[in-house]
Amino acid sequence: MVSPLVKAIAFAAILNAQPGAAATATGEEGPLAVPSGQPVSFVEMIWDQPGGGLVYRFRFLAPQIGQKVGFDSAAADMEFLCREYALPRLAEIGPQPRQIIISLSDRAVDFGVLDSDAVQFFEAYRVENGGCIWEVY
């Protein structure tokens, strides 16, 4: 089994191969423009196949969530990031996922590690007709 870190580095390499892409092998890139205007930067992309199928997790750093940016504004940003950031990269990644998860965190947090001081927002979307459809749980 390939580790999530190796997968994230491979994805960053795919991004680097695309004209105009700014990602590096570590997943660093400049701030992304989102509807709320908060500074958001790409951290990593991880994929896995839990029981229901392939899932791509796009993780972003958003230092203002929970302080200057509330959940409603962050939710609009996550939907935007799914549609404008994740979807265009699916063709370069390979197999189409059952679900895309967009996460925002106010600080760097290792995937799967609990940090009770961190503010983190997550939204799940299914890909349908070229768009991101919010999954309600």
N, C-alpha and C. Protein backbone atom coordinates (compact mmCIF):
# COMPACT_ATOMS: atom_id res chain seq x y z
N MET A 1 0.85 -1.19 0.00
CA MET A 1 0.00 0.00 0.00
C MET A 1 0.89 1.25 0.00
N VAL A 2 0.54 2.21 -0.80
CA VAL A 2 1.31 3.45 -0.91
C VAL A 2 0.86 4.41 0.19
N SER A 3 1.81 5.04 0.86
CA SER A 3 1.48 5.95 1.96
C SER A 3 0.82 7.22 1.44
N PRO A 4 -0.01 7.88 2.30
CA PRO A 4 -0.63 9.15 1.89
C PRO A 4 0.40 10.21 1.51
N LEU A 5 1.56 10.23 2.17
CA LEU A 5 2.58 11.22 1.85
C LEU A 5 3.10 11.01 0.43
N VAL A 6 3.36 9.76 0.06
CA VAL A 6 3.84 9.48 -1.30
C VAL A 6 2.79 9.89 -2.31
N LYS A 7 1.52 9.61 -2.01
CA LYS A 7 0.44 10.00 -2.92
C LYS A 7 0.37 11.52 -3.05
N ALA A 8 0.52 12.24 -1.94
CA ALA A 8 0.47 13.71 -1.98
C ALA A 8 1.62 14.26 -2.81
N ILE A 9 2.80 13.69 -2.65
CA ILE A 9 3.96 14.14 -3.43
C ILE A 9 3.75 13.84 -4.91
N ALA A 10 3.18 12.66 -5.21
CA ALA A 10 2.91 12.33 -6.62
C ALA A 10 1.90 13.31 -7.21
N PHE A 11 0.87 13.67 -6.44
CA PHE A 11 -0.11 14.63 -6.92
C PHE A 11 0.55 15.98 -7.16
N ALA A 12 1.42 16.41 -6.23
CA ALA A 12 2.11 17.68 -6.41
C ALA A 12 2.96 17.64 -7.68
N ALA A 13 3.56 16.50 -7.96
CA ALA A 13 4.36 16.36 -9.19
C ALA A 13 3.47 16.50 -10.42
N ILE A 14 2.26 15.94 -10.35
CA ILE A 14 1.30 16.09 -11.45
C ILE A 14 0.96 17.55 -11.64
N LEU A 15 0.71 18.25 -10.53
CA LEU A 15 0.39 19.68 -10.63
C LEU A 15 1.55 20.44 -11.26
N ASN A 16 2.78 20.11 -10.85
CA ASN A 16 3.94 20.81 -11.39
C ASN A 16 4.09 20.59 -12.88
N ALA A 17 3.62 19.45 -13.38
CA ALA A 17 3.76 19.14 -14.80
C ALA A 17 2.77 19.94 -15.64
N GLN A 18 1.76 20.52 -15.01
CA GLN A 18 0.75 21.27 -15.75
C GLN A 18 1.20 22.71 -15.95
N PRO A 19 0.98 23.27 -17.13
CA PRO A 19 1.36 24.66 -17.37
C PRO A 19 0.69 25.59 -16.37
N GLY A 20 1.46 26.47 -15.77
CA GLY A 20 0.93 27.46 -14.86
C GLY A 20 0.71 26.97 -13.44
N ALA A 21 0.94 25.69 -13.16
CA ALA A 21 0.73 25.18 -11.80
C ALA A 21 1.82 25.70 -10.88
N ALA A 22 1.44 26.00 -9.63
CA ALA A 22 2.39 26.58 -8.70
C ALA A 22 2.77 25.64 -7.57
N ALA A 23 2.20 24.43 -7.52
CA ALA A 23 2.49 23.51 -6.42
C ALA A 23 3.92 23.01 -6.51
N THR A 24 4.51 22.74 -5.35
CA THR A 24 5.83 22.12 -5.29
C THR A 24 5.66 20.71 -4.79
N ALA A 25 6.74 19.94 -4.73
CA ALA A 25 6.67 18.56 -4.27
C ALA A 25 6.19 18.48 -2.83
N THR A 26 6.33 19.54 -2.06
CA THR A 26 5.86 19.52 -0.68
C THR A 26 4.41 19.96 -0.58
N GLY A 27 3.80 20.32 -1.69
CA GLY A 27 2.40 20.73 -1.68
C GLY A 27 2.22 22.21 -1.39
N GLU A 28 3.30 22.97 -1.35
CA GLU A 28 3.20 24.40 -1.06
C GLU A 28 2.85 25.17 -2.32
N GLU A 29 1.99 26.13 -2.19
CA GLU A 29 1.71 27.06 -3.28
C GLU A 29 1.18 28.33 -2.66
N GLY A 30 1.13 29.36 -3.44
CA GLY A 30 0.71 30.65 -2.93
C GLY A 30 -0.76 30.67 -2.54
N PRO A 31 -1.19 31.78 -1.95
CA PRO A 31 -2.58 31.91 -1.53
C PRO A 31 -3.53 31.78 -2.72
N LEU A 32 -4.67 31.15 -2.45
CA LEU A 32 -5.70 30.97 -3.46
C LEU A 32 -6.81 32.00 -3.22
N ALA A 33 -7.38 32.51 -4.27
CA ALA A 33 -8.48 33.45 -4.15
C ALA A 33 -9.77 32.67 -3.92
N VAL A 34 -10.47 32.98 -2.82
CA VAL A 34 -11.74 32.33 -2.48
C VAL A 34 -12.78 33.42 -2.23
N PRO A 35 -14.07 33.07 -2.28
CA PRO A 35 -15.12 34.09 -2.14
C PRO A 35 -15.05 34.94 -0.87
N SER A 36 -14.64 34.36 0.26
CA SER A 36 -14.60 35.13 1.51
C SER A 36 -13.46 36.15 1.53
N GLY A 37 -12.47 35.96 0.66
CA GLY A 37 -11.31 36.84 0.66
C GLY A 37 -10.23 36.44 1.66
N GLN A 38 -10.48 35.39 2.45
CA GLN A 38 -9.48 34.96 3.41
C GLN A 38 -8.29 34.33 2.69
N PRO A 39 -7.10 34.34 3.31
CA PRO A 39 -5.96 33.66 2.70
C PRO A 39 -6.10 32.15 2.88
N VAL A 40 -6.07 31.42 1.77
CA VAL A 40 -6.18 29.96 1.78
C VAL A 40 -5.06 29.41 0.94
N SER A 41 -4.39 28.37 1.44
CA SER A 41 -3.32 27.74 0.66
C SER A 41 -3.47 26.23 0.68
N PHE A 42 -3.13 25.62 -0.43
CA PHE A 42 -3.19 24.17 -0.59
C PHE A 42 -2.12 23.53 0.28
N VAL A 43 -2.49 22.47 1.00
CA VAL A 43 -1.55 21.74 1.85
C VAL A 43 -1.19 20.41 1.19
N GLU A 44 -2.20 19.60 0.90
CA GLU A 44 -1.95 18.28 0.31
C GLU A 44 -3.25 17.69 -0.20
N MET A 45 -3.07 16.66 -1.02
CA MET A 45 -4.19 15.86 -1.49
C MET A 45 -3.88 14.43 -1.12
N ILE A 46 -4.85 13.79 -0.48
CA ILE A 46 -4.71 12.40 -0.05
C ILE A 46 -5.87 11.62 -0.65
N TRP A 47 -5.63 10.40 -1.08
CA TRP A 47 -6.75 9.60 -1.52
C TRP A 47 -6.73 8.26 -0.82
N ASP A 48 -7.91 7.69 -0.68
CA ASP A 48 -8.05 6.37 -0.09
C ASP A 48 -9.32 5.74 -0.63
N GLN A 49 -9.52 4.47 -0.30
CA GLN A 49 -10.71 3.75 -0.74
C GLN A 49 -11.38 3.10 0.46
N PRO A 50 -12.10 3.89 1.26
CA PRO A 50 -12.88 3.25 2.31
C PRO A 50 -13.97 2.41 1.67
N GLY A 51 -14.73 1.69 2.44
CA GLY A 51 -15.73 0.75 1.93
C GLY A 51 -16.57 1.22 0.77
N GLY A 52 -16.88 2.51 0.68
CA GLY A 52 -17.78 3.01 -0.34
C GLY A 52 -17.15 3.41 -1.65
N GLY A 53 -15.83 3.41 -1.77
CA GLY A 53 -15.19 3.77 -3.03
C GLY A 53 -14.12 4.84 -2.87
N LEU A 54 -13.57 5.26 -3.99
CA LEU A 54 -12.45 6.18 -4.02
C LEU A 54 -12.83 7.56 -3.52
N VAL A 55 -12.01 8.11 -2.61
CA VAL A 55 -12.23 9.44 -2.04
C VAL A 55 -10.94 10.25 -2.18
N TYR A 56 -11.06 11.47 -2.69
CA TYR A 56 -9.94 12.41 -2.73
C TYR A 56 -10.18 13.45 -1.65
N ARG A 57 -9.17 13.68 -0.82
CA ARG A 57 -9.24 14.68 0.24
C ARG A 57 -8.27 15.81 -0.10
N PHE A 58 -8.82 16.98 -0.33
CA PHE A 58 -8.01 18.16 -0.60
C PHE A 58 -7.97 18.96 0.69
N ARG A 59 -6.77 19.15 1.23
CA ARG A 59 -6.59 19.82 2.51
C ARG A 59 -5.98 21.19 2.30
N PHE A 60 -6.56 22.20 2.97
CA PHE A 60 -6.13 23.58 2.82
C PHE A 60 -5.90 24.22 4.18
N LEU A 61 -4.98 25.15 4.21
CA LEU A 61 -4.72 25.96 5.40
C LEU A 61 -5.48 27.27 5.24
N ALA A 62 -6.28 27.60 6.26
CA ALA A 62 -7.09 28.82 6.25
C ALA A 62 -7.03 29.43 7.65
N PRO A 63 -5.98 30.20 7.96
CA PRO A 63 -5.73 30.68 9.32
C PRO A 63 -6.83 31.53 9.94
N GLN A 64 -7.74 32.07 9.13
CA GLN A 64 -8.76 32.97 9.69
C GLN A 64 -10.07 32.27 10.06
N ILE A 65 -10.21 30.96 9.76
CA ILE A 65 -11.48 30.31 10.11
C ILE A 65 -11.62 30.23 11.62
N GLY A 66 -12.86 30.39 12.05
CA GLY A 66 -13.15 30.36 13.48
C GLY A 66 -12.86 31.67 14.19
N GLN A 67 -12.24 32.61 13.50
CA GLN A 67 -11.94 33.92 14.07
C GLN A 67 -12.64 34.98 13.23
N LYS A 68 -11.99 35.37 12.14
CA LYS A 68 -12.56 36.39 11.25
C LYS A 68 -13.55 35.79 10.25
N VAL A 69 -13.43 34.49 9.98
CA VAL A 69 -14.28 33.84 8.98
C VAL A 69 -15.09 32.73 9.67
N GLY A 70 -16.41 32.88 9.64
CA GLY A 70 -17.30 31.89 10.25
C GLY A 70 -17.57 30.73 9.30
N PHE A 71 -18.35 29.78 9.80
CA PHE A 71 -18.60 28.57 9.01
C PHE A 71 -19.34 28.86 7.72
N ASP A 72 -20.32 29.75 7.71
CA ASP A 72 -21.09 30.01 6.48
C ASP A 72 -20.18 30.50 5.35
N SER A 73 -19.29 31.42 5.66
CA SER A 73 -18.35 31.92 4.65
C SER A 73 -17.36 30.82 4.25
N ALA A 74 -16.89 30.06 5.23
CA ALA A 74 -15.96 28.97 4.95
C ALA A 74 -16.62 27.89 4.09
N ALA A 75 -17.92 27.64 4.33
CA ALA A 75 -18.64 26.64 3.53
C ALA A 75 -18.70 27.08 2.06
N ALA A 76 -18.92 28.36 1.82
CA ALA A 76 -18.91 28.87 0.44
C ALA A 76 -17.52 28.71 -0.17
N ASP A 77 -16.49 28.95 0.63
CA ASP A 77 -15.12 28.77 0.15
C ASP A 77 -14.84 27.30 -0.20
N MET A 78 -15.33 26.37 0.64
CA MET A 78 -15.08 24.95 0.39
C MET A 78 -15.79 24.49 -0.89
N GLU A 79 -17.01 24.96 -1.11
CA GLU A 79 -17.71 24.60 -2.35
C GLU A 79 -16.97 25.17 -3.55
N PHE A 80 -16.49 26.39 -3.44
CA PHE A 80 -15.70 27.02 -4.49
C PHE A 80 -14.42 26.22 -4.76
N LEU A 81 -13.72 25.80 -3.69
CA LEU A 81 -12.48 25.04 -3.84
C LEU A 81 -12.74 23.68 -4.49
N CYS A 82 -13.87 23.07 -4.18
CA CYS A 82 -14.21 21.81 -4.83
C CYS A 82 -14.40 22.04 -6.33
N ARG A 83 -15.20 23.03 -6.66
CA ARG A 83 -15.54 23.30 -8.06
C ARG A 83 -14.37 23.86 -8.86
N GLU A 84 -13.64 24.82 -8.29
CA GLU A 84 -12.61 25.55 -9.05
C GLU A 84 -11.19 25.03 -8.86
N TYR A 85 -10.96 24.27 -7.80
CA TYR A 85 -9.60 23.76 -7.56
C TYR A 85 -9.53 22.25 -7.76
N ALA A 86 -10.41 21.51 -7.08
CA ALA A 86 -10.34 20.05 -7.13
C ALA A 86 -10.81 19.49 -8.47
N LEU A 87 -11.99 19.89 -8.93
CA LEU A 87 -12.53 19.32 -10.17
C LEU A 87 -11.59 19.45 -11.37
N PRO A 88 -10.98 20.62 -11.60
CA PRO A 88 -10.09 20.72 -12.76
C PRO A 88 -8.88 19.77 -12.69
N ARG A 89 -8.54 19.31 -11.50
CA ARG A 89 -7.38 18.44 -11.34
C ARG A 89 -7.72 16.96 -11.45
N LEU A 90 -9.00 16.61 -11.47
CA LEU A 90 -9.39 15.20 -11.50
C LEU A 90 -8.90 14.49 -12.75
N ALA A 91 -8.96 15.15 -13.90
CA ALA A 91 -8.50 14.51 -15.14
C ALA A 91 -7.02 14.17 -15.07
N GLU A 92 -6.24 14.96 -14.33
CA GLU A 92 -4.80 14.72 -14.22
C GLU A 92 -4.48 13.65 -13.18
N ILE A 93 -5.38 13.45 -12.22
CA ILE A 93 -5.13 12.51 -11.14
C ILE A 93 -5.32 11.08 -11.60
N GLY A 94 -6.38 10.82 -12.34
CA GLY A 94 -6.65 9.45 -12.77
C GLY A 94 -8.09 9.08 -12.55
N PRO A 95 -8.33 7.97 -11.84
CA PRO A 95 -9.70 7.48 -11.66
C PRO A 95 -10.60 8.52 -10.99
N GLN A 96 -11.84 8.54 -11.41
CA GLN A 96 -12.80 9.48 -10.85
C GLN A 96 -13.25 8.99 -9.47
N PRO A 97 -13.32 9.90 -8.51
CA PRO A 97 -13.69 9.51 -7.15
C PRO A 97 -15.20 9.40 -6.96
N ARG A 98 -15.58 8.67 -5.94
CA ARG A 98 -16.96 8.65 -5.48
C ARG A 98 -17.26 9.94 -4.74
N GLN A 99 -16.21 10.49 -4.09
CA GLN A 99 -16.41 11.66 -3.24
C GLN A 99 -15.14 12.50 -3.18
N ILE A 100 -15.35 13.81 -3.05
CA ILE A 100 -14.26 14.76 -2.78
C ILE A 100 -14.54 15.36 -1.41
N ILE A 101 -13.54 15.39 -0.57
CA ILE A 101 -13.67 16.04 0.73
C ILE A 101 -12.73 17.24 0.73
N ILE A 102 -13.28 18.39 1.06
CA ILE A 102 -12.50 19.62 1.18
C ILE A 102 -12.41 19.93 2.66
N SER A 103 -11.18 20.16 3.14
CA SER A 103 -11.02 20.53 4.55
C SER A 103 -10.21 21.81 4.66
N LEU A 104 -10.63 22.62 5.62
CA LEU A 104 -9.92 23.85 5.97
C LEU A 104 -9.48 23.71 7.41
N SER A 105 -8.26 24.15 7.70
CA SER A 105 -7.75 24.13 9.07
C SER A 105 -7.06 25.46 9.34
N ASP A 106 -7.21 25.95 10.57
CA ASP A 106 -6.59 27.23 10.91
C ASP A 106 -5.10 27.12 11.19
N ARG A 107 -4.61 25.90 11.28
CA ARG A 107 -3.17 25.66 11.50
C ARG A 107 -2.80 24.32 10.89
N ALA A 108 -1.51 24.10 10.72
CA ALA A 108 -1.04 22.83 10.17
C ALA A 108 -1.34 21.71 11.15
N VAL A 109 -2.04 20.69 10.67
CA VAL A 109 -2.38 19.52 11.46
C VAL A 109 -2.11 18.30 10.59
N ASP A 110 -1.36 17.35 11.11
CA ASP A 110 -1.11 16.12 10.36
C ASP A 110 -2.42 15.39 10.15
N PHE A 111 -2.56 14.78 8.98
CA PHE A 111 -3.79 14.06 8.65
C PHE A 111 -4.04 12.95 9.67
N GLY A 112 -5.25 12.93 10.19
CA GLY A 112 -5.64 11.89 11.13
C GLY A 112 -5.23 12.11 12.57
N VAL A 113 -4.54 13.24 12.84
CA VAL A 113 -4.07 13.53 14.19
C VAL A 113 -5.03 14.52 14.84
N LEU A 114 -5.46 14.20 16.06
CA LEU A 114 -6.36 15.07 16.80
C LEU A 114 -5.59 16.25 17.39
N ASP A 115 -6.08 17.46 17.14
CA ASP A 115 -5.51 18.66 17.73
C ASP A 115 -6.69 19.49 18.24
N SER A 116 -6.92 19.43 19.55
CA SER A 116 -8.10 20.08 20.12
C SER A 116 -8.03 21.60 20.04
N ASP A 117 -6.86 22.17 19.76
CA ASP A 117 -6.74 23.61 19.61
C ASP A 117 -7.02 24.09 18.19
N ALA A 118 -7.02 23.18 17.24
CA ALA A 118 -7.22 23.55 15.84
C ALA A 118 -8.70 23.69 15.51
N VAL A 119 -9.01 24.68 14.68
CA VAL A 119 -10.34 24.81 14.10
C VAL A 119 -10.26 24.16 12.73
N GLN A 120 -11.15 23.21 12.48
CA GLN A 120 -11.16 22.51 11.20
C GLN A 120 -12.60 22.40 10.70
N PHE A 121 -12.78 22.69 9.42
CA PHE A 121 -14.08 22.54 8.77
C PHE A 121 -13.91 21.54 7.63
N PHE A 122 -14.89 20.68 7.45
CA PHE A 122 -14.87 19.66 6.40
C PHE A 122 -16.21 19.68 5.68
N GLU A 123 -16.17 19.47 4.38
CA GLU A 123 -17.38 19.24 3.60
C GLU A 123 -17.09 18.14 2.59
N ALA A 124 -18.09 17.32 2.34
CA ALA A 124 -17.98 16.22 1.38
C ALA A 124 -18.89 16.52 0.19
N TYR A 125 -18.40 16.18 -1.00
CA TYR A 125 -19.14 16.42 -2.24
C TYR A 125 -19.07 15.18 -3.12
N ARG A 126 -20.12 14.94 -3.85
CA ARG A 126 -20.04 13.93 -4.89
C ARG A 126 -19.88 14.67 -6.22
N VAL A 127 -19.22 14.03 -7.14
CA VAL A 127 -19.01 14.64 -8.45
C VAL A 127 -20.14 14.17 -9.36
N GLU A 128 -20.89 15.14 -9.87
CA GLU A 128 -22.04 14.81 -10.71
C GLU A 128 -22.20 15.87 -11.78
N ASN A 129 -22.29 15.44 -13.03
CA ASN A 129 -22.47 16.35 -14.17
C ASN A 129 -21.44 17.47 -14.17
N GLY A 130 -20.20 17.14 -13.84
CA GLY A 130 -19.12 18.12 -13.86
C GLY A 130 -19.16 19.12 -12.73
N GLY A 131 -19.96 18.87 -11.70
CA GLY A 131 -20.05 19.79 -10.57
C GLY A 131 -19.87 19.08 -9.25
N CYS A 132 -19.79 19.87 -8.20
CA CYS A 132 -19.66 19.36 -6.84
C CYS A 132 -21.02 19.47 -6.16
N ILE A 133 -21.57 18.35 -5.75
CA ILE A 133 -22.86 18.30 -5.08
C ILE A 133 -22.61 17.99 -3.61
N TRP A 134 -23.03 18.91 -2.74
CA TRP A 134 -22.80 18.77 -1.30
C TRP A 134 -23.50 17.51 -0.80
N GLU A 135 -22.76 16.70 -0.04
CA GLU A 135 -23.30 15.48 0.55
C GLU A 135 -23.77 15.78 1.95
N VAL A 136 -25.03 15.51 2.23
CA VAL A 136 -25.61 15.73 3.55
C VAL A 136 -25.56 14.42 4.32
N TYR A 137 -25.03 14.48 5.53
CA TYR A 137 -24.96 13.27 6.36
C TYR A 137 -25.82 13.41 7.57
